[in-house]
Amino acid sequence: MFASQHDHLKTVNESISGARPIDEETLSSVAVLAERLDRLKETSSLFADVAFSDDVQELADCEMISAIS
């Protein structure tokens, strides 16, 4: 699981930094990380104020728009 988690983080980080294009893999990784963050928030109020950076939130918004389209 750690390798998979690291891959999602790496993909998103590289996309934000411009080292790789923002593609379907990036948007999928953002969705996975968003789901994991939601699960953490459900498990404990300690995570209630944890949020993505503005850059990652922008990608998450793109993922939601592409899912609607």
N, C-alpha and C. Protein backbone atom coordinates (compact mmCIF):
# COMPACT_ATOMS: atom_id res chain seq x y z
N MET A 1 0.82 -1.19 0.00
CA MET A 1 0.00 0.00 0.00
C MET A 1 0.86 1.25 0.00
N PHE A 2 1.96 1.25 0.74
CA PHE A 2 2.80 2.44 0.80
C PHE A 2 3.31 2.83 -0.58
N ALA A 3 3.72 1.86 -1.38
CA ALA A 3 4.22 2.17 -2.72
C ALA A 3 3.13 2.80 -3.56
N SER A 4 1.92 2.27 -3.46
CA SER A 4 0.80 2.83 -4.22
C SER A 4 0.51 4.26 -3.78
N GLN A 5 0.50 4.49 -2.47
CA GLN A 5 0.25 5.83 -1.95
C GLN A 5 1.35 6.77 -2.43
N HIS A 6 2.57 6.31 -2.36
CA HIS A 6 3.70 7.13 -2.81
C HIS A 6 3.55 7.48 -4.28
N ASP A 7 3.10 6.53 -5.10
CA ASP A 7 2.92 6.78 -6.52
C ASP A 7 1.89 7.88 -6.76
N HIS A 8 0.79 7.88 -6.01
CA HIS A 8 -0.22 8.92 -6.17
C HIS A 8 0.33 10.28 -5.77
N LEU A 9 1.04 10.31 -4.66
CA LEU A 9 1.64 11.57 -4.22
C LEU A 9 2.68 12.07 -5.22
N LYS A 10 3.48 11.15 -5.71
CA LYS A 10 4.52 11.51 -6.69
C LYS A 10 3.89 12.03 -7.97
N THR A 11 2.86 11.37 -8.45
CA THR A 11 2.20 11.79 -9.68
C THR A 11 1.65 13.20 -9.54
N VAL A 12 0.96 13.46 -8.45
CA VAL A 12 0.37 14.79 -8.23
C VAL A 12 1.48 15.83 -8.07
N ASN A 13 2.49 15.52 -7.29
CA ASN A 13 3.59 16.45 -7.08
C ASN A 13 4.28 16.80 -8.40
N GLU A 14 4.57 15.80 -9.21
CA GLU A 14 5.24 16.05 -10.49
C GLU A 14 4.36 16.85 -11.43
N SER A 15 3.06 16.64 -11.39
CA SER A 15 2.16 17.40 -12.25
C SER A 15 2.10 18.87 -11.82
N ILE A 16 2.07 19.09 -10.52
CA ILE A 16 2.03 20.47 -10.01
C ILE A 16 3.32 21.21 -10.35
N SER A 17 4.43 20.51 -10.26
CA SER A 17 5.73 21.15 -10.51
C SER A 17 6.03 21.30 -12.00
N GLY A 18 5.21 20.69 -12.85
CA GLY A 18 5.43 20.79 -14.29
C GLY A 18 6.34 19.72 -14.85
N ALA A 19 6.75 18.77 -14.03
CA ALA A 19 7.64 17.71 -14.48
C ALA A 19 6.91 16.67 -15.33
N ARG A 20 5.59 16.64 -15.25
CA ARG A 20 4.79 15.73 -16.07
C ARG A 20 3.50 16.45 -16.40
N PRO A 21 2.84 16.02 -17.47
CA PRO A 21 1.59 16.70 -17.84
C PRO A 21 0.45 16.36 -16.88
N ILE A 22 -0.51 17.25 -16.81
CA ILE A 22 -1.73 16.97 -16.06
C ILE A 22 -2.62 16.15 -16.99
N ASP A 23 -2.74 14.87 -16.67
CA ASP A 23 -3.48 13.96 -17.53
C ASP A 23 -4.46 13.15 -16.69
N GLU A 24 -5.03 12.14 -17.30
CA GLU A 24 -6.01 11.30 -16.61
C GLU A 24 -5.41 10.61 -15.39
N GLU A 25 -4.15 10.22 -15.49
CA GLU A 25 -3.49 9.58 -14.34
C GLU A 25 -3.38 10.56 -13.17
N THR A 26 -3.05 11.81 -13.47
CA THR A 26 -2.97 12.83 -12.42
C THR A 26 -4.32 13.02 -11.75
N LEU A 27 -5.35 13.17 -12.56
CA LEU A 27 -6.69 13.41 -12.01
C LEU A 27 -7.18 12.20 -11.21
N SER A 28 -6.83 11.02 -11.67
CA SER A 28 -7.19 9.81 -10.93
C SER A 28 -6.47 9.76 -9.58
N SER A 29 -5.20 10.14 -9.57
CA SER A 29 -4.43 10.16 -8.32
C SER A 29 -5.01 11.18 -7.34
N VAL A 30 -5.42 12.33 -7.85
CA VAL A 30 -6.04 13.34 -6.99
C VAL A 30 -7.32 12.78 -6.38
N ALA A 31 -8.11 12.07 -7.19
CA ALA A 31 -9.36 11.49 -6.68
C ALA A 31 -9.09 10.47 -5.58
N VAL A 32 -8.08 9.63 -5.77
CA VAL A 32 -7.73 8.64 -4.75
C VAL A 32 -7.30 9.33 -3.46
N LEU A 33 -6.46 10.34 -3.58
CA LEU A 33 -6.00 11.05 -2.39
C LEU A 33 -7.15 11.79 -1.70
N ALA A 34 -8.07 12.33 -2.47
CA ALA A 34 -9.23 13.02 -1.89
C ALA A 34 -10.10 12.03 -1.12
N GLU A 35 -10.27 10.85 -1.68
CA GLU A 35 -11.06 9.82 -0.99
C GLU A 35 -10.39 9.42 0.32
N ARG A 36 -9.08 9.27 0.29
CA ARG A 36 -8.35 8.89 1.51
C ARG A 36 -8.44 9.99 2.56
N LEU A 37 -8.36 11.25 2.12
CA LEU A 37 -8.47 12.35 3.07
C LEU A 37 -9.87 12.38 3.68
N ASP A 38 -10.89 12.14 2.87
CA ASP A 38 -12.26 12.09 3.39
C ASP A 38 -12.41 10.99 4.44
N ARG A 39 -11.81 9.83 4.18
CA ARG A 39 -11.88 8.73 5.15
C ARG A 39 -11.18 9.09 6.46
N LEU A 40 -10.05 9.78 6.36
CA LEU A 40 -9.36 10.22 7.57
C LEU A 40 -10.23 11.18 8.37
N LYS A 41 -10.88 12.09 7.68
CA LYS A 41 -11.75 13.06 8.35
C LYS A 41 -12.91 12.38 9.04
N GLU A 42 -13.39 11.28 8.45
CA GLU A 42 -14.49 10.52 9.07
C GLU A 42 -14.04 9.77 10.31
N THR A 43 -12.77 9.40 10.37
CA THR A 43 -12.29 8.59 11.49
C THR A 43 -11.97 9.41 12.73
N SER A 44 -11.60 10.68 12.52
CA SER A 44 -11.21 11.49 13.68
C SER A 44 -11.37 12.97 13.39
N SER A 45 -11.82 13.69 14.38
CA SER A 45 -11.95 15.14 14.25
C SER A 45 -10.58 15.83 14.19
N LEU A 46 -9.53 15.11 14.51
CA LEU A 46 -8.18 15.67 14.40
C LEU A 46 -7.85 16.10 12.97
N PHE A 47 -8.50 15.46 12.01
CA PHE A 47 -8.23 15.73 10.61
C PHE A 47 -9.22 16.71 9.98
N ALA A 48 -10.11 17.26 10.77
CA ALA A 48 -11.18 18.11 10.25
C ALA A 48 -10.66 19.31 9.47
N ASP A 49 -9.56 19.89 9.90
CA ASP A 49 -9.04 21.09 9.25
C ASP A 49 -7.95 20.81 8.22
N VAL A 50 -7.67 19.53 7.96
CA VAL A 50 -6.67 19.18 6.96
C VAL A 50 -7.29 19.38 5.58
N ALA A 51 -6.54 20.04 4.71
CA ALA A 51 -7.04 20.31 3.35
C ALA A 51 -5.88 20.25 2.37
N PHE A 52 -6.24 20.11 1.11
CA PHE A 52 -5.24 20.16 0.04
C PHE A 52 -4.71 21.58 -0.11
N SER A 53 -3.53 21.68 -0.67
CA SER A 53 -3.01 23.00 -1.04
C SER A 53 -3.89 23.57 -2.15
N ASP A 54 -3.75 24.85 -2.41
CA ASP A 54 -4.54 25.48 -3.48
C ASP A 54 -4.30 24.80 -4.83
N ASP A 55 -3.04 24.43 -5.10
CA ASP A 55 -2.71 23.78 -6.37
C ASP A 55 -3.40 22.43 -6.51
N VAL A 56 -3.37 21.64 -5.45
CA VAL A 56 -4.01 20.32 -5.50
C VAL A 56 -5.53 20.48 -5.54
N GLN A 57 -6.06 21.45 -4.83
CA GLN A 57 -7.50 21.69 -4.87
C GLN A 57 -7.95 22.08 -6.27
N GLU A 58 -7.13 22.84 -6.97
CA GLU A 58 -7.43 23.20 -8.35
C GLU A 58 -7.50 21.96 -9.23
N LEU A 59 -6.56 21.03 -9.02
CA LEU A 59 -6.60 19.77 -9.77
C LEU A 59 -7.83 18.96 -9.40
N ALA A 60 -8.19 18.94 -8.13
CA ALA A 60 -9.39 18.22 -7.69
C ALA A 60 -10.63 18.81 -8.34
N ASP A 61 -10.67 20.13 -8.46
CA ASP A 61 -11.80 20.78 -9.13
C ASP A 61 -11.84 20.39 -10.61
N CYS A 62 -10.69 20.30 -11.25
CA CYS A 62 -10.63 19.86 -12.66
C CYS A 62 -11.15 18.45 -12.79
N GLU A 63 -10.80 17.58 -11.82
CA GLU A 63 -11.26 16.19 -11.85
C GLU A 63 -12.77 16.13 -11.73
N MET A 64 -13.34 16.97 -10.89
CA MET A 64 -14.79 16.98 -10.73
C MET A 64 -15.48 17.48 -11.99
N ILE A 65 -14.90 18.49 -12.63
CA ILE A 65 -15.48 19.02 -13.87
C ILE A 65 -15.42 17.98 -14.98
N SER A 66 -14.30 17.28 -15.09
CA SER A 66 -14.18 16.26 -16.14
C SER A 66 -15.11 15.09 -15.88
N ALA A 67 -15.42 14.81 -14.63
CA ALA A 67 -16.34 13.73 -14.31
C ALA A 67 -17.77 14.10 -14.69
N ILE A 68 -18.10 15.38 -14.59
CA ILE A 68 -19.44 15.84 -14.93
C ILE A 68 -19.63 15.89 -16.44
N SER A 69 -18.58 16.26 -17.16
CA SER A 69 -18.67 16.43 -18.61
C SER A 69 -18.86 15.15 -19.36
